[in-house]
Amino acid sequence: MKTRHSGQHTRDYYGVFHSGFAAVLLNVCMALCAVAETTDGVLRIETEVFVGSQKEPVAHSLTLFANGVAWDFLAHPDEIALHDPARERVVLIDPERNVKTEITTLRLERLSVSLASWARKADDRLVRWAGGPDFGNDIQETNETIELSGPRARYLVAFEQAPSAESAGAYRRFADTALLVRALVHPGGLPPFPRLAINRRVATAGGIPSEVTLEVDPKVAMLLGRPDVMRSVHKIHPRLLESDYKRIKNAETRIGVAKSVDLAEFATPPESSETNTDPAEKVAPSETASYKKAITADSSRGSSHSDEANDLDE
């Protein structure tokens, strides 16, 4: 994914929040949906990300579900992600550069294994905890909230009932995939496994997140230069607007004419840009370096993009 100074935090917020904390809290918030109506399988989710007590959002995204796929639109900088589970792929589109890249589900599955192995051996206690695999003793649930507490970090997720069990499951698949895409494209953040665990609990409860908050220890936040509180708000609508269908049509056109490039070229930032790791999920520089090595090790095993691993380390 490209990065630009003016939109430094947007893409990773998306990853965080859409993922149950929703990519980066945006792929996650950020990102941070599903088939809500069994008749036509559509759902609309607007996501806004806030830092601390600020009233103005620092990031915004729109996710549209229709015809078995999810279109995720980020603003400032503009970027489009097509989640296509039937074809086991995610396609990232940069409208400004008119380029696209494809990531297979198999590659993301391999990445998950590599990241878990790396995290569980990390020196940093928070990273080691985030490697899982079991967060059962750290999770507290009510009918409308899930709280996950670890060393120096706390997730609090409020959720509402999805229109159907199918939509709750579809949201989880989308959110999980968005988390792993973010981990692949922007190595260096906190491993995604706590949020994957949250996603699983929310889906089991038949819900979709409506608000996700991440709190980190203020002293740690100060040392790493990141916010100590981040919050995403998701507005869920069971139908699409006429403008949404036009947006999807335009995205389909863009994906048809965009030039295909490998992930390394797609993710290479302009020379004037800064690294776009989500400040709410930064880890220590030494851990970031080993994180990237884990990405490299994964990418070198049977990846269809064999030249991308070294480029991701640049």
Protein backbone atom coordinates (compact mmCIF):
# COMPACT_ATOMS: atom_id res chain seq x y z
CA MET A 1 0.00 0.00 0.00
CA LYS A 2 1.22 3.52 -0.66
CA THR A 3 1.79 5.92 2.16
CA ARG A 4 1.71 9.71 2.17
CA HIS A 5 2.49 12.15 4.91
CA SER A 6 -0.97 13.75 4.77
CA GLY A 7 -2.64 10.43 5.31
CA GLN A 8 -0.01 8.88 7.53
CA HIS A 9 -2.32 7.11 9.96
CA THR A 10 -5.40 6.50 7.79
CA ARG A 11 -4.64 3.14 6.23
CA ASP A 12 -3.54 1.42 9.40
CA TYR A 13 -6.43 2.88 11.36
CA TYR A 14 -8.65 1.21 8.81
CA GLY A 15 -7.00 -2.12 9.34
CA VAL A 16 -7.26 -1.81 13.07
CA PHE A 17 -10.86 -0.81 13.51
CA HIS A 18 -12.52 -2.86 10.85
CA SER A 19 -10.98 -5.87 12.48
CA GLY A 20 -12.75 -5.69 15.71
CA PHE A 21 -10.46 -3.04 17.00
CA ALA A 22 -10.79 -1.86 12.77
CA ALA A 23 -7.65 -1.45 10.52
CA VAL A 24 -5.49 -0.68 11.90
CA LEU A 25 -8.29 0.49 15.43
CA LEU A 26 -9.06 0.88 11.90
CA ASN A 27 -8.02 -3.32 7.97
CA VAL A 28 -7.73 -2.29 11.33
CA CYS A 29 -10.04 0.36 12.43
CA MET A 30 -8.98 0.35 11.17
CA ALA A 31 -10.50 -2.72 9.46
CA LEU A 32 -12.47 -2.75 10.90
CA CYS A 33 -18.60 -6.54 7.54
CA ALA A 34 -21.02 -8.97 6.12
CA VAL A 35 -24.12 -10.08 4.26
CA ALA A 36 -26.91 -8.49 6.24
CA GLU A 37 -29.93 -9.21 4.11
CA THR A 38 -30.49 -12.77 2.98
CA THR A 39 -32.49 -11.45 -0.01
CA ASP A 40 -29.72 -9.50 -1.71
CA GLY A 41 -26.70 -9.78 0.61
CA VAL A 42 -25.96 -6.11 1.13
CA LEU A 43 -24.59 -4.16 4.08
CA ARG A 44 -23.16 -0.68 4.53
CA ILE A 45 -20.71 0.25 7.30
CA GLU A 46 -19.25 3.69 7.87
CA THR A 47 -16.24 3.87 10.17
CA GLU A 48 -14.74 6.89 11.92
CA VAL A 49 -11.60 6.76 14.05
CA PHE A 50 -10.89 9.07 16.98
CA VAL A 51 -7.75 9.67 19.03
CA GLY A 52 -8.06 10.32 22.75
CA SER A 53 -10.84 12.79 23.57
CA GLN A 54 -10.77 14.48 20.18
CA LYS A 55 -14.20 15.14 18.68
CA GLU A 56 -13.05 15.19 15.05
CA PRO A 57 -12.16 11.84 13.43
CA VAL A 58 -8.63 11.26 12.17
CA ALA A 59 -9.72 8.61 9.66
CA HIS A 60 -12.80 7.55 7.74
CA SER A 61 -13.73 4.54 5.62
CA LEU A 62 -16.79 3.09 3.95
CA THR A 63 -17.34 -0.66 3.49
CA LEU A 64 -19.99 -1.96 1.10
CA PHE A 65 -21.12 -5.58 0.81
CA ALA A 66 -22.91 -6.76 -2.29
CA ASN A 67 -22.91 -9.80 -4.58
CA GLY A 68 -20.76 -11.85 -2.25
CA VAL A 69 -17.82 -9.42 -2.06
CA ALA A 70 -16.84 -6.46 0.11
CA TRP A 71 -15.57 -3.15 -1.22
CA ASP A 72 -13.61 -1.08 1.30
CA PHE A 73 -13.02 2.60 0.47
CA LEU A 74 -10.48 4.63 2.42
CA ALA A 75 -10.36 8.42 2.27
CA HIS A 76 -7.28 10.66 2.35
CA PRO A 77 -5.33 9.03 0.85
CA ASP A 78 -7.77 7.25 -1.43
CA GLU A 79 -7.46 3.49 -1.62
CA ILE A 80 -9.82 0.66 -2.49
CA ALA A 81 -9.72 -2.93 -1.27
CA LEU A 82 -11.80 -5.69 -2.83
CA HIS A 83 -12.39 -8.69 -0.55
CA ASP A 84 -13.41 -11.59 -2.79
CA PRO A 85 -13.78 -14.75 -0.64
CA ALA A 86 -15.15 -16.91 -3.45
CA ARG A 87 -11.94 -16.37 -5.43
CA GLU A 88 -9.81 -16.49 -2.27
CA ARG A 89 -8.14 -13.14 -2.84
CA VAL A 90 -7.91 -9.51 -1.80
CA VAL A 91 -7.21 -6.90 -4.47
CA LEU A 92 -5.76 -3.54 -3.43
CA ILE A 93 -6.24 -0.60 -5.80
CA ASP A 94 -4.45 2.74 -5.77
CA PRO A 95 -6.67 5.04 -7.88
CA GLU A 96 -4.12 7.86 -8.02
CA ARG A 97 -1.29 5.73 -9.39
CA ASN A 98 -3.73 3.50 -11.29
CA VAL A 99 -2.11 0.31 -10.00
CA LYS A 100 -3.42 -2.79 -8.24
CA THR A 101 -2.00 -5.83 -6.49
CA GLU A 102 -3.51 -9.18 -5.49
CA ILE A 103 -2.98 -11.09 -2.24
CA THR A 104 -4.13 -14.70 -2.01
CA THR A 105 -5.84 -16.26 0.97
CA LEU A 106 -3.16 -18.96 1.04
CA ARG A 107 -0.47 -16.36 1.51
CA LEU A 108 -2.34 -14.82 4.41
CA GLU A 109 -2.76 -18.23 6.05
CA ARG A 110 1.00 -18.81 5.84
CA LEU A 111 1.61 -15.36 7.24
CA SER A 112 -0.60 -16.12 10.24
CA VAL A 113 1.48 -19.18 11.12
CA SER A 114 4.76 -17.27 10.78
CA LEU A 115 3.58 -14.33 12.86
CA ALA A 116 2.30 -16.53 15.66
CA SER A 117 5.60 -18.39 15.84
CA TRP A 118 7.57 -15.14 15.89
CA ALA A 119 5.39 -13.37 18.46
CA ARG A 120 5.45 -16.19 20.99
CA LYS A 121 9.27 -15.99 21.11
CA ALA A 122 9.49 -12.19 21.26
CA ASP A 123 11.32 -10.40 24.07
CA ASP A 124 8.59 -7.80 24.49
CA ARG A 125 5.96 -9.04 26.94
CA LEU A 126 3.08 -7.34 25.14
CA VAL A 127 4.09 -8.80 21.78
CA ARG A 128 4.54 -12.24 23.33
CA TRP A 129 1.05 -12.04 24.86
CA ALA A 130 -0.39 -10.88 21.55
CA GLY A 131 0.93 -14.05 19.91
CA GLY A 132 -1.76 -16.09 21.68
CA PRO A 133 -3.04 -18.63 21.11
CA ASP A 134 -5.32 -18.66 24.15
CA PHE A 135 -6.85 -15.44 25.48
CA GLY A 136 -9.71 -17.13 27.33
CA ASN A 137 -8.67 -16.05 30.81
CA ASP A 138 -8.20 -12.45 29.65
CA ILE A 139 -11.65 -12.03 28.09
CA GLN A 140 -14.75 -10.78 29.89
CA GLU A 141 -18.13 -10.79 28.13
CA THR A 142 -21.60 -9.38 28.57
CA ASN A 143 -24.54 -9.49 26.18
CA GLU A 144 -23.31 -6.36 24.41
CA THR A 145 -19.58 -5.99 25.15
CA ILE A 146 -16.33 -7.91 25.07
CA GLU A 147 -13.25 -6.80 27.00
CA LEU A 148 -9.77 -8.23 26.44
CA SER A 149 -6.99 -7.16 28.79
CA GLY A 150 -3.30 -7.92 28.47
CA PRO A 151 -0.01 -6.46 29.69
CA ARG A 152 -0.12 -2.70 29.05
CA ALA A 153 -3.14 -2.92 26.73
CA ARG A 154 -6.92 -3.22 26.91
CA TYR A 155 -9.51 -3.71 24.18
CA LEU A 156 -13.17 -2.90 24.76
CA VAL A 157 -15.66 -3.80 22.03
CA ALA A 158 -19.35 -2.92 22.00
CA PHE A 159 -21.42 -4.80 19.46
CA GLU A 160 -24.96 -5.01 18.18
CA GLN A 161 -26.87 -7.98 16.87
CA ALA A 162 -26.28 -8.67 13.21
CA PRO A 163 -29.30 -9.05 10.91
CA SER A 164 -28.50 -12.76 10.64
CA ALA A 165 -25.99 -15.38 11.77
CA GLU A 166 -24.69 -15.47 8.22
CA SER A 167 -23.93 -11.75 8.30
CA ALA A 168 -22.09 -12.07 11.61
CA GLY A 169 -19.93 -14.82 10.16
CA ALA A 170 -19.28 -12.90 6.97
CA TYR A 171 -18.23 -9.82 8.94
CA ARG A 172 -15.77 -11.91 10.91
CA ARG A 173 -14.22 -13.34 7.74
CA PHE A 174 -13.82 -9.87 6.28
CA ALA A 175 -12.37 -8.40 9.48
CA ASP A 176 -9.93 -11.27 9.98
CA THR A 177 -8.69 -10.94 6.41
CA ALA A 178 -8.28 -7.17 6.76
CA LEU A 179 -6.12 -7.67 9.85
CA LEU A 180 -3.78 -10.08 8.08
CA VAL A 181 -3.54 -7.88 5.00
CA ARG A 182 -2.48 -5.01 7.22
CA ALA A 183 0.10 -7.19 8.98
CA LEU A 184 1.56 -8.19 5.60
CA VAL A 185 1.64 -4.74 4.02
CA HIS A 186 2.70 -2.80 7.13
CA PRO A 187 4.89 -5.09 9.25
CA GLY A 188 5.85 -3.67 12.62
CA GLY A 189 2.52 -3.35 14.38
CA LEU A 190 1.13 -5.42 17.21
CA PRO A 191 0.31 -8.97 16.06
CA PRO A 192 -3.37 -9.36 15.11
CA PHE A 193 -4.23 -12.34 17.29
CA PRO A 194 -5.97 -10.50 20.17
CA ARG A 195 -8.35 -8.90 17.69
CA LEU A 196 -8.84 -12.19 15.87
CA ALA A 197 -9.94 -13.66 19.20
CA ILE A 198 -12.34 -10.76 19.72
CA ASN A 199 -13.76 -11.20 16.22
CA ARG A 200 -14.45 -14.85 16.94
CA ARG A 201 -16.29 -14.05 20.17
CA VAL A 202 -18.38 -11.30 18.54
CA ALA A 203 -19.38 -13.60 15.66
CA THR A 204 -20.26 -16.40 18.07
CA ALA A 205 -22.56 -13.95 19.87
CA GLY A 206 -24.17 -13.13 16.52
CA GLY A 207 -22.91 -9.56 16.53
CA ILE A 208 -21.08 -6.89 14.53
CA PRO A 209 -18.90 -4.34 16.39
CA SER A 210 -20.41 -0.88 16.77
CA GLU A 211 -17.57 0.70 18.79
CA VAL A 212 -14.02 -0.44 19.51
CA THR A 213 -11.59 1.14 21.97
CA LEU A 214 -7.92 0.39 22.53
CA GLU A 215 -6.12 1.72 25.60
CA VAL A 216 -2.39 1.34 26.20
CA ASP A 217 -0.33 2.26 29.23
CA PRO A 218 0.29 6.07 29.08
CA LYS A 219 3.97 5.69 29.92
CA VAL A 220 4.46 3.18 27.14
CA ALA A 221 2.46 5.36 24.76
CA MET A 222 4.68 8.33 25.56
CA LEU A 223 7.87 6.35 25.00
CA LEU A 224 6.69 5.05 21.63
CA GLY A 225 5.07 8.30 20.50
CA ARG A 226 1.58 6.87 20.07
CA PRO A 227 -1.88 7.74 21.41
CA ASP A 228 -2.81 6.01 24.64
CA VAL A 229 -6.51 5.84 23.68
CA MET A 230 -8.03 5.23 20.25
CA ARG A 231 -11.65 4.62 19.40
CA SER A 232 -13.57 3.63 16.28
CA VAL A 233 -17.29 4.03 15.70
CA HIS A 234 -19.10 1.87 13.14
CA LYS A 235 -22.49 2.88 11.71
CA ILE A 236 -24.21 -0.19 10.30
CA HIS A 237 -26.95 0.02 7.68
CA PRO A 238 -28.75 -3.00 6.15
CA ARG A 239 -29.02 -1.48 2.67
CA LEU A 240 -26.97 0.45 0.14
CA LEU A 241 -27.61 3.93 -1.23
CA GLU A 242 -27.86 4.68 -4.92
CA SER A 243 -24.51 6.49 -4.63
CA ASP A 244 -22.99 3.31 -3.16
CA TYR A 245 -23.91 1.29 -6.23
CA LYS A 246 -22.34 3.98 -8.40
CA ARG A 247 -19.22 3.86 -6.27
CA ILE A 248 -18.99 0.08 -6.70
CA LYS A 249 -19.48 0.42 -10.46
CA ASN A 250 -16.67 2.94 -10.62
CA ALA A 251 -14.42 0.68 -8.55
CA GLU A 252 -15.11 -2.24 -10.88
CA THR A 253 -14.01 -0.04 -13.79
CA ARG A 254 -10.87 1.01 -11.96
CA ILE A 255 -9.89 -2.54 -11.14
CA GLY A 256 -10.30 -3.46 -14.80
CA VAL A 257 -7.97 -0.76 -16.12
CA ALA A 258 -5.39 -0.55 -13.29
CA LYS A 259 -1.93 -1.94 -13.95
CA SER A 260 -1.04 -5.10 -12.01
CA VAL A 261 2.09 -4.79 -9.87
CA ASP A 262 3.61 -6.93 -7.16
CA LEU A 263 2.95 -6.07 -3.54
CA ALA A 264 6.40 -4.59 -2.97
CA GLU A 265 5.93 -2.04 -5.73
CA PHE A 266 2.40 -1.27 -4.63
CA ALA A 267 3.43 -0.72 -1.01
CA THR A 268 6.56 1.33 -1.73
CA PRO A 269 5.88 4.83 -0.40
CA PRO A 270 6.81 8.04 -2.21
CA GLU A 271 10.24 9.31 -1.19
CA SER A 272 8.67 12.17 0.75
CA SER A 273 6.38 9.91 2.80
CA GLU A 274 6.86 8.53 6.27
CA THR A 275 6.27 5.05 7.57
CA ASN A 276 2.57 4.35 8.09
CA THR A 277 2.63 1.98 11.03
CA ASP A 278 -0.39 2.61 13.25
CA PRO A 279 0.91 4.62 16.22
CA ALA A 280 -1.54 2.89 18.52
CA GLU A 281 0.04 -0.47 17.80
CA LYS A 282 3.73 0.30 17.44
CA VAL A 283 6.23 -2.03 19.00
CA ALA A 284 9.84 -1.46 19.91
CA PRO A 285 12.29 -1.01 16.99
CA SER A 286 14.07 -4.28 17.78
CA GLU A 287 10.75 -6.12 17.66
CA THR A 288 9.83 -4.38 14.42
CA ALA A 289 13.00 -5.66 12.77
CA SER A 290 12.31 -9.25 13.83
CA TYR A 291 8.66 -8.84 12.76
CA LYS A 292 9.85 -8.00 9.27
CA LYS A 293 12.11 -11.03 9.29
CA ALA A 294 9.08 -13.18 10.09
CA ILE A 295 7.29 -11.63 7.10
CA THR A 296 10.32 -12.33 4.95
CA ALA A 297 10.51 -15.95 6.08
CA ASP A 298 6.85 -16.46 5.30
CA SER A 299 7.05 -14.78 1.89
CA SER A 300 9.97 -16.94 0.82
CA ARG A 301 8.00 -20.17 1.25
CA GLY A 302 5.90 -20.91 -1.76
CA SER A 303 4.68 -17.36 -2.31
CA SER A 304 3.50 -16.41 -5.76
CA HIS A 305 5.40 -13.12 -5.23
CA SER A 306 8.86 -14.48 -4.54
CA ASP A 307 10.59 -11.11 -5.10
CA GLU A 308 8.47 -9.15 -2.65
CA ALA A 309 10.01 -10.20 0.64
CA ASN A 310 13.25 -8.25 0.37
CA ASP A 311 11.44 -5.19 -0.96
CA LEU A 312 9.17 -5.20 2.08
CA ASP A 313 12.24 -4.81 4.26
CA GLU A 314 13.34 -1.61 2.55
